[in-house]
Amino acid sequence: MGTQTDPTVRYGGTPEVERPLRRSILRGLMNRCPACGDGKLFRAFLKPVDHCAACGEPMHHHRADDLPPYIVILVLGHVLVGGYMLTDMTFVLPVWVHLAIWAPITVVTALASIQPIKGGVIGLQWALRMHGFGGESDGPDDYDLPRRPD
């Protein structure tokens, strides 16, 4: 058993700065730098900045890739299909009216939500120190593969 006077032992070098997961994701959802919350995260619609203008945190090594569109499709698919089904049960409308209602809603909602969701994914990666955000190299590891005996 330890006492209150026992020193805390840390292995692996210097202690790292805390990166709260929730705060980082929320800052990304607001299209702000996950590190400081002041700088803009995007320079174009879906193109993140290389470095934060406020704190200088590098953002160029993020790997959001296909996760933001997947999340948009998952969430909007459930919400919009539920809305379509409720509308279809309430009002008897022809299919073309449903298409005229739900297609524009789907496109507009998807376009409105993709940027904040991508920012949240970048904030998640920053908080978890993924893909170079922790200071390590993002390249493949250098090690020799074991050879099979011939």
N, C-alpha and C. Protein backbone atom coordinates (compact mmCIF):
# COMPACT_ATOMS: atom_id res chain seq x y z
N MET A 1 0.83 -1.18 0.00
CA MET A 1 0.00 0.00 0.00
C MET A 1 0.87 1.24 0.00
N GLY A 2 0.45 2.20 -0.79
CA GLY A 2 1.19 3.46 -0.83
C GLY A 2 0.60 4.46 0.14
N THR A 3 1.42 5.41 0.50
CA THR A 3 0.96 6.49 1.36
C THR A 3 0.88 7.76 0.55
N GLN A 4 0.41 8.82 1.18
CA GLN A 4 0.25 10.09 0.50
C GLN A 4 1.60 10.69 0.11
N THR A 5 2.68 10.29 0.75
CA THR A 5 3.98 10.89 0.47
C THR A 5 4.75 10.14 -0.61
N ASP A 6 4.23 9.02 -1.10
CA ASP A 6 4.93 8.28 -2.14
C ASP A 6 4.92 9.08 -3.44
N PRO A 7 6.08 9.20 -4.09
CA PRO A 7 6.11 9.95 -5.35
C PRO A 7 5.46 9.12 -6.48
N THR A 8 4.90 9.81 -7.43
CA THR A 8 4.32 9.16 -8.59
C THR A 8 5.43 8.83 -9.56
N VAL A 9 5.50 7.60 -9.97
CA VAL A 9 6.53 7.16 -10.91
C VAL A 9 5.92 7.11 -12.30
N ARG A 10 6.55 7.79 -13.26
CA ARG A 10 6.08 7.77 -14.64
C ARG A 10 7.18 7.19 -15.51
N TYR A 11 6.81 6.25 -16.35
CA TYR A 11 7.76 5.64 -17.26
C TYR A 11 7.51 6.14 -18.67
N GLY A 12 8.53 6.22 -19.47
CA GLY A 12 8.36 6.59 -20.86
C GLY A 12 8.65 8.04 -21.17
N GLY A 13 9.40 8.73 -20.36
CA GLY A 13 9.76 10.11 -20.69
C GLY A 13 8.92 11.12 -19.94
N THR A 14 8.83 12.29 -20.54
CA THR A 14 8.13 13.40 -19.91
C THR A 14 6.62 13.20 -19.97
N PRO A 15 5.90 13.72 -18.99
CA PRO A 15 4.44 13.59 -19.04
C PRO A 15 3.87 14.41 -20.19
N GLU A 16 2.87 13.86 -20.84
CA GLU A 16 2.27 14.53 -21.99
C GLU A 16 1.17 15.47 -21.55
N VAL A 17 0.95 16.48 -22.36
CA VAL A 17 -0.11 17.43 -22.07
C VAL A 17 -1.46 16.73 -22.25
N GLU A 18 -2.36 17.01 -21.33
CA GLU A 18 -3.67 16.38 -21.37
C GLU A 18 -4.46 16.87 -22.59
N ARG A 19 -5.13 15.94 -23.26
CA ARG A 19 -5.97 16.25 -24.41
C ARG A 19 -7.35 15.65 -24.17
N PRO A 20 -8.23 16.40 -23.53
CA PRO A 20 -9.58 15.86 -23.22
C PRO A 20 -10.33 15.51 -24.50
N LEU A 21 -10.86 14.32 -24.53
CA LEU A 21 -11.52 13.80 -25.73
C LEU A 21 -12.77 14.61 -26.07
N ARG A 22 -13.63 14.82 -25.10
CA ARG A 22 -14.90 15.50 -25.36
C ARG A 22 -14.67 16.94 -25.85
N ARG A 23 -13.78 17.65 -25.17
CA ARG A 23 -13.50 19.03 -25.56
C ARG A 23 -12.90 19.10 -26.96
N SER A 24 -12.02 18.19 -27.28
CA SER A 24 -11.39 18.19 -28.60
C SER A 24 -12.41 17.91 -29.71
N ILE A 25 -13.30 16.96 -29.48
CA ILE A 25 -14.32 16.65 -30.48
C ILE A 25 -15.29 17.82 -30.64
N LEU A 26 -15.71 18.44 -29.53
CA LEU A 26 -16.61 19.58 -29.60
C LEU A 26 -15.98 20.76 -30.33
N ARG A 27 -14.71 21.00 -30.09
CA ARG A 27 -14.02 22.08 -30.82
C ARG A 27 -13.97 21.76 -32.31
N GLY A 28 -13.71 20.51 -32.65
CA GLY A 28 -13.71 20.12 -34.05
C GLY A 28 -15.09 20.26 -34.68
N LEU A 29 -16.14 19.91 -33.94
CA LEU A 29 -17.50 20.06 -34.45
C LEU A 29 -17.85 21.52 -34.71
N MET A 30 -17.23 22.44 -33.96
CA MET A 30 -17.45 23.87 -34.17
C MET A 30 -16.48 24.45 -35.20
N ASN A 31 -15.74 23.56 -35.89
CA ASN A 31 -14.77 23.95 -36.92
C ASN A 31 -13.67 24.85 -36.36
N ARG A 32 -13.23 24.53 -35.17
CA ARG A 32 -12.14 25.24 -34.51
C ARG A 32 -11.00 24.27 -34.23
N CYS A 33 -9.83 24.81 -34.03
CA CYS A 33 -8.65 24.00 -33.72
C CYS A 33 -8.90 23.20 -32.44
N PRO A 34 -8.68 21.88 -32.47
CA PRO A 34 -8.92 21.09 -31.25
C PRO A 34 -7.93 21.40 -30.14
N ALA A 35 -6.78 21.98 -30.47
CA ALA A 35 -5.78 22.28 -29.45
C ALA A 35 -6.12 23.54 -28.66
N CYS A 36 -6.42 24.64 -29.37
CA CYS A 36 -6.64 25.91 -28.68
C CYS A 36 -8.08 26.39 -28.72
N GLY A 37 -8.85 25.97 -29.70
CA GLY A 37 -10.24 26.40 -29.81
C GLY A 37 -10.43 27.75 -30.45
N ASP A 38 -9.33 28.41 -30.85
CA ASP A 38 -9.42 29.75 -31.43
C ASP A 38 -9.27 29.76 -32.95
N GLY A 39 -8.30 29.03 -33.47
CA GLY A 39 -8.02 29.05 -34.90
C GLY A 39 -9.05 28.27 -35.70
N LYS A 40 -9.20 28.65 -36.96
CA LYS A 40 -10.11 27.93 -37.85
C LYS A 40 -9.50 26.59 -38.22
N LEU A 41 -10.35 25.60 -38.39
CA LEU A 41 -9.90 24.26 -38.74
C LEU A 41 -9.88 24.03 -40.24
N PHE A 42 -10.74 24.74 -40.99
CA PHE A 42 -10.85 24.52 -42.43
C PHE A 42 -10.51 25.79 -43.19
N ARG A 43 -9.77 25.63 -44.30
CA ARG A 43 -9.50 26.77 -45.19
C ARG A 43 -10.43 26.76 -46.39
N ALA A 44 -11.04 25.62 -46.68
CA ALA A 44 -12.05 25.48 -47.73
C ALA A 44 -13.14 24.57 -47.15
N PHE A 45 -14.13 24.23 -47.96
CA PHE A 45 -15.28 23.48 -47.45
C PHE A 45 -14.88 22.23 -46.68
N LEU A 46 -14.05 21.38 -47.27
CA LEU A 46 -13.60 20.17 -46.58
C LEU A 46 -12.08 20.06 -46.50
N LYS A 47 -11.36 21.13 -46.79
CA LYS A 47 -9.89 21.12 -46.77
C LYS A 47 -9.40 21.76 -45.47
N PRO A 48 -8.83 20.95 -44.57
CA PRO A 48 -8.31 21.52 -43.31
C PRO A 48 -7.06 22.35 -43.54
N VAL A 49 -6.78 23.25 -42.63
CA VAL A 49 -5.57 24.05 -42.68
C VAL A 49 -4.37 23.15 -42.39
N ASP A 50 -3.18 23.58 -42.82
CA ASP A 50 -1.97 22.82 -42.52
C ASP A 50 -1.51 23.04 -41.08
N HIS A 51 -1.64 24.27 -40.61
CA HIS A 51 -1.28 24.64 -39.24
C HIS A 51 -2.32 25.61 -38.70
N CYS A 52 -2.58 25.53 -37.41
CA CYS A 52 -3.51 26.47 -36.78
C CYS A 52 -2.89 27.86 -36.79
N ALA A 53 -3.66 28.86 -37.21
CA ALA A 53 -3.16 30.23 -37.26
C ALA A 53 -2.97 30.81 -35.87
N ALA A 54 -3.70 30.32 -34.88
CA ALA A 54 -3.62 30.86 -33.52
C ALA A 54 -2.50 30.24 -32.69
N CYS A 55 -2.40 28.90 -32.70
CA CYS A 55 -1.42 28.24 -31.82
C CYS A 55 -0.30 27.53 -32.58
N GLY A 56 -0.44 27.37 -33.90
CA GLY A 56 0.61 26.73 -34.68
C GLY A 56 0.57 25.21 -34.69
N GLU A 57 -0.45 24.61 -34.11
CA GLU A 57 -0.56 23.14 -34.07
C GLU A 57 -0.67 22.61 -35.50
N PRO A 58 0.18 21.67 -35.88
CA PRO A 58 0.08 21.11 -37.24
C PRO A 58 -1.16 20.23 -37.39
N MET A 59 -1.88 20.43 -38.48
CA MET A 59 -3.08 19.65 -38.77
C MET A 59 -2.95 18.84 -40.05
N HIS A 60 -1.78 18.92 -40.68
CA HIS A 60 -1.63 18.31 -42.01
C HIS A 60 -1.60 16.79 -41.98
N HIS A 61 -1.35 16.18 -40.83
CA HIS A 61 -1.26 14.72 -40.83
C HIS A 61 -2.53 14.01 -40.42
N HIS A 62 -3.67 14.68 -40.45
CA HIS A 62 -4.92 14.00 -40.11
C HIS A 62 -5.24 12.97 -41.20
N ARG A 63 -6.00 11.95 -40.82
CA ARG A 63 -6.43 10.92 -41.77
C ARG A 63 -7.92 10.67 -41.56
N ALA A 64 -8.74 11.67 -41.85
CA ALA A 64 -10.18 11.50 -41.67
C ALA A 64 -10.75 10.52 -42.70
N ASP A 65 -10.28 10.60 -43.94
CA ASP A 65 -10.64 9.70 -45.03
C ASP A 65 -12.14 9.45 -45.13
N ASP A 66 -12.59 8.23 -44.93
CA ASP A 66 -13.98 7.85 -45.19
C ASP A 66 -14.88 7.86 -43.96
N LEU A 67 -14.34 8.13 -42.79
CA LEU A 67 -15.17 8.09 -41.59
C LEU A 67 -16.24 9.19 -41.57
N PRO A 68 -15.95 10.45 -41.90
CA PRO A 68 -17.02 11.46 -41.88
C PRO A 68 -18.19 11.15 -42.81
N PRO A 69 -17.96 10.76 -44.09
CA PRO A 69 -19.12 10.41 -44.90
C PRO A 69 -19.89 9.19 -44.37
N TYR A 70 -19.18 8.25 -43.79
CA TYR A 70 -19.83 7.08 -43.22
C TYR A 70 -20.76 7.50 -42.07
N ILE A 71 -20.27 8.38 -41.19
CA ILE A 71 -21.09 8.84 -40.07
C ILE A 71 -22.30 9.62 -40.58
N VAL A 72 -22.10 10.47 -41.60
CA VAL A 72 -23.22 11.23 -42.18
C VAL A 72 -24.27 10.28 -42.74
N ILE A 73 -23.83 9.29 -43.49
CA ILE A 73 -24.77 8.32 -44.07
C ILE A 73 -25.49 7.54 -42.98
N LEU A 74 -24.76 7.12 -41.96
CA LEU A 74 -25.36 6.36 -40.87
C LEU A 74 -26.43 7.16 -40.13
N VAL A 75 -26.08 8.38 -39.74
CA VAL A 75 -27.01 9.20 -38.96
C VAL A 75 -28.18 9.66 -39.83
N LEU A 76 -27.88 10.24 -40.97
CA LEU A 76 -28.96 10.75 -41.82
C LEU A 76 -29.85 9.63 -42.35
N GLY A 77 -29.27 8.49 -42.62
CA GLY A 77 -30.07 7.37 -43.07
C GLY A 77 -31.12 6.98 -42.06
N HIS A 78 -30.73 6.91 -40.79
CA HIS A 78 -31.68 6.54 -39.75
C HIS A 78 -32.72 7.64 -39.53
N VAL A 79 -32.28 8.88 -39.48
CA VAL A 79 -33.21 9.98 -39.21
C VAL A 79 -34.17 10.18 -40.38
N LEU A 80 -33.64 10.21 -41.60
CA LEU A 80 -34.49 10.50 -42.75
C LEU A 80 -35.42 9.33 -43.11
N VAL A 81 -34.95 8.12 -42.95
CA VAL A 81 -35.84 6.98 -43.21
C VAL A 81 -36.96 6.95 -42.17
N GLY A 82 -36.64 7.27 -40.92
CA GLY A 82 -37.67 7.37 -39.90
C GLY A 82 -38.67 8.47 -40.22
N GLY A 83 -38.17 9.62 -40.67
CA GLY A 83 -39.06 10.71 -41.06
C GLY A 83 -39.93 10.35 -42.25
N TYR A 84 -39.32 9.68 -43.22
CA TYR A 84 -40.09 9.23 -44.39
C TYR A 84 -41.19 8.26 -43.97
N MET A 85 -40.86 7.32 -43.12
CA MET A 85 -41.85 6.32 -42.71
C MET A 85 -42.99 6.95 -41.90
N LEU A 86 -42.66 7.89 -41.03
CA LEU A 86 -43.71 8.57 -40.27
C LEU A 86 -44.61 9.39 -41.18
N THR A 87 -44.00 10.07 -42.15
CA THR A 87 -44.79 10.86 -43.10
C THR A 87 -45.66 9.95 -43.95
N ASP A 88 -45.11 8.83 -44.38
CA ASP A 88 -45.86 7.91 -45.23
C ASP A 88 -47.03 7.28 -44.48
N MET A 89 -46.87 7.06 -43.17
CA MET A 89 -47.96 6.50 -42.39
C MET A 89 -49.04 7.55 -42.09
N THR A 90 -48.64 8.80 -41.99
CA THR A 90 -49.58 9.86 -41.65
C THR A 90 -50.35 10.39 -42.85
N PHE A 91 -49.62 10.64 -43.94
CA PHE A 91 -50.23 11.20 -45.14
C PHE A 91 -50.12 10.21 -46.28
N VAL A 92 -51.19 10.06 -47.03
CA VAL A 92 -51.16 9.20 -48.21
C VAL A 92 -50.75 10.09 -49.39
N LEU A 93 -49.48 9.95 -49.78
CA LEU A 93 -48.93 10.78 -50.85
C LEU A 93 -48.35 9.89 -51.94
N PRO A 94 -48.34 10.35 -53.18
CA PRO A 94 -47.67 9.58 -54.23
C PRO A 94 -46.16 9.56 -54.01
N VAL A 95 -45.52 8.60 -54.63
CA VAL A 95 -44.08 8.43 -54.45
C VAL A 95 -43.32 9.66 -54.93
N TRP A 96 -43.75 10.27 -56.04
CA TRP A 96 -43.02 11.42 -56.56
C TRP A 96 -43.06 12.61 -55.58
N VAL A 97 -44.09 12.73 -54.78
CA VAL A 97 -44.15 13.81 -53.78
C VAL A 97 -43.15 13.52 -52.66
N HIS A 98 -43.10 12.28 -52.23
CA HIS A 98 -42.08 11.91 -51.23
C HIS A 98 -40.69 12.17 -51.76
N LEU A 99 -40.45 11.82 -53.01
CA LEU A 99 -39.14 12.06 -53.62
C LEU A 99 -38.86 13.56 -53.68
N ALA A 100 -39.84 14.34 -54.04
CA ALA A 100 -39.66 15.79 -54.12
C ALA A 100 -39.41 16.41 -52.74
N ILE A 101 -39.93 15.80 -51.70
CA ILE A 101 -39.72 16.31 -50.34
C ILE A 101 -38.40 15.83 -49.77
N TRP A 102 -38.16 14.52 -49.80
CA TRP A 102 -37.04 13.93 -49.07
C TRP A 102 -35.70 14.01 -49.77
N ALA A 103 -35.65 14.05 -51.08
CA ALA A 103 -34.36 14.16 -51.78
C ALA A 103 -33.67 15.49 -51.47
N PRO A 104 -34.34 16.65 -51.59
CA PRO A 104 -33.65 17.89 -51.24
C PRO A 104 -33.27 17.98 -49.76
N ILE A 105 -34.14 17.47 -48.90
CA ILE A 105 -33.81 17.48 -47.46
C ILE A 105 -32.56 16.65 -47.21
N THR A 106 -32.45 15.52 -47.87
CA THR A 106 -31.28 14.65 -47.70
C THR A 106 -30.01 15.34 -48.18
N VAL A 107 -30.04 15.93 -49.36
CA VAL A 107 -28.84 16.57 -49.91
C VAL A 107 -28.42 17.76 -49.05
N VAL A 108 -29.34 18.61 -48.69
CA VAL A 108 -29.01 19.81 -47.90
C VAL A 108 -28.49 19.42 -46.52
N THR A 109 -29.12 18.46 -45.88
CA THR A 109 -28.69 18.03 -44.55
C THR A 109 -27.31 17.37 -44.60
N ALA A 110 -27.07 16.57 -45.62
CA ALA A 110 -25.76 15.93 -45.76
C ALA A 110 -24.66 16.97 -45.97
N LEU A 111 -24.91 17.94 -46.83
CA LEU A 111 -23.91 18.99 -47.07
C LEU A 111 -23.70 19.88 -45.85
N ALA A 112 -24.75 20.11 -45.09
CA ALA A 112 -24.62 20.94 -43.89
C ALA A 112 -23.89 20.22 -42.75
N SER A 113 -23.94 18.90 -42.72
CA SER A 113 -23.36 18.18 -41.59
C SER A 113 -21.99 17.57 -41.86
N ILE A 114 -21.55 17.50 -43.10
CA ILE A 114 -20.27 16.82 -43.38
C ILE A 114 -19.07 17.58 -42.81
N GLN A 115 -19.05 18.91 -42.91
CA GLN A 115 -17.91 19.66 -42.39
C GLN A 115 -17.78 19.59 -40.87
N PRO A 116 -18.85 19.81 -40.10
CA PRO A 116 -18.69 19.66 -38.65
C PRO A 116 -18.32 18.24 -38.23
N ILE A 117 -18.84 17.25 -38.92
CA ILE A 117 -18.50 15.87 -38.56
C ILE A 117 -17.04 15.58 -38.89
N LYS A 118 -16.54 16.09 -40.02
CA LYS A 118 -15.12 15.91 -40.33
C LYS A 118 -14.26 16.62 -39.30
N GLY A 119 -14.68 17.81 -38.85
CA GLY A 119 -13.95 18.50 -37.79
C GLY A 119 -13.93 17.70 -36.50
N GLY A 120 -15.05 17.06 -36.17
CA GLY A 120 -15.10 16.22 -34.98
C GLY A 120 -14.18 15.02 -35.07
N VAL A 121 -14.07 14.44 -36.28
CA VAL A 121 -13.16 13.31 -36.48
C VAL A 121 -11.72 13.77 -36.34
N ILE A 122 -11.39 14.94 -36.87
CA ILE A 122 -10.03 15.47 -36.71
C ILE A 122 -9.75 15.75 -35.24
N GLY A 123 -10.74 16.29 -34.51
CA GLY A 123 -10.58 16.50 -33.07
C GLY A 123 -10.38 15.20 -32.32
N LEU A 124 -11.09 14.16 -32.71
CA LEU A 124 -10.92 12.84 -32.11
C LEU A 124 -9.51 12.32 -32.34
N GLN A 125 -9.02 12.43 -33.57
CA GLN A 125 -7.68 11.95 -33.88
C GLN A 125 -6.63 12.76 -33.12
N TRP A 126 -6.83 14.06 -32.98
CA TRP A 126 -5.88 14.89 -32.24
C TRP A 126 -5.86 14.49 -30.76
N ALA A 127 -7.04 14.28 -30.18
CA ALA A 127 -7.12 13.95 -28.75
C ALA A 127 -6.49 12.59 -28.45
N LEU A 128 -6.64 11.65 -29.37
CA LEU A 128 -6.08 10.31 -29.16
C LEU A 128 -4.66 10.15 -29.69
N ARG A 129 -4.08 11.26 -30.18
CA ARG A 129 -2.71 11.28 -30.71
C ARG A 129 -2.52 10.28 -31.85
N MET A 130 -3.49 10.23 -32.72
CA MET A 130 -3.44 9.30 -33.86
C MET A 130 -2.78 9.96 -35.06
N HIS A 131 -2.18 9.16 -35.93
CA HIS A 131 -1.68 9.59 -37.24
C HIS A 131 -0.72 10.76 -37.18
N GLY A 132 0.20 10.76 -36.27
CA GLY A 132 1.21 11.81 -36.21
C GLY A 132 0.88 12.95 -35.27
N PHE A 133 -0.31 13.00 -34.70
CA PHE A 133 -0.66 14.08 -33.78
C PHE A 133 0.05 13.93 -32.44
N GLY A 134 0.67 12.79 -32.19
CA GLY A 134 1.39 12.60 -30.94
C GLY A 134 2.87 12.85 -31.06
N GLY A 135 3.34 13.27 -32.24
CA GLY A 135 4.74 13.57 -32.44
C GLY A 135 5.54 12.44 -33.05
N GLU A 136 4.96 11.28 -33.19
CA GLU A 136 5.68 10.16 -33.78
C GLU A 136 5.52 10.20 -35.30
N SER A 137 6.35 9.45 -35.97
CA SER A 137 6.28 9.38 -37.42
C SER A 137 5.05 8.58 -37.84
N ASP A 138 4.44 9.01 -38.94
CA ASP A 138 3.25 8.32 -39.44
C ASP A 138 3.61 7.30 -40.52
N GLY A 139 4.88 7.15 -40.79
CA GLY A 139 5.31 6.22 -41.82
C GLY A 139 5.32 4.79 -41.32
N PRO A 140 5.55 3.85 -42.22
CA PRO A 140 5.59 2.44 -41.80
C PRO A 140 6.82 2.18 -40.92
N ASP A 141 6.67 1.24 -40.02
CA ASP A 141 7.77 0.89 -39.13
C ASP A 141 8.88 0.22 -39.90
N ASP A 142 10.11 0.48 -39.47
CA ASP A 142 11.27 -0.15 -40.09
C ASP A 142 11.66 -1.39 -39.29
N TYR A 143 11.34 -2.52 -39.81
CA TYR A 143 11.77 -3.76 -39.19
C TYR A 143 11.83 -4.82 -40.28
N ASP A 144 12.62 -5.81 -40.05
CA ASP A 144 12.78 -6.89 -41.00
C ASP A 144 11.69 -7.91 -40.82
N LEU A 145 11.08 -8.29 -41.91
CA LEU A 145 10.07 -9.33 -41.86
C LEU A 145 10.75 -10.68 -41.74
N PRO A 146 10.19 -11.57 -40.93
CA PRO A 146 10.78 -12.90 -40.83
C PRO A 146 10.64 -13.63 -42.16
N ARG A 147 11.68 -14.35 -42.53
CA ARG A 147 11.65 -15.11 -43.79
C ARG A 147 11.21 -16.52 -43.55
N ARG A 148 10.52 -17.03 -44.56
CA ARG A 148 10.12 -18.43 -44.48
C ARG A 148 11.29 -19.32 -44.85
N PRO A 149 11.39 -20.42 -44.17
CA PRO A 149 12.46 -21.35 -44.57
C PRO A 149 12.13 -21.96 -45.93
N ASP A 150 13.12 -21.99 -46.79
CA ASP A 150 12.91 -22.54 -48.14
C ASP A 150 13.09 -24.02 -48.21
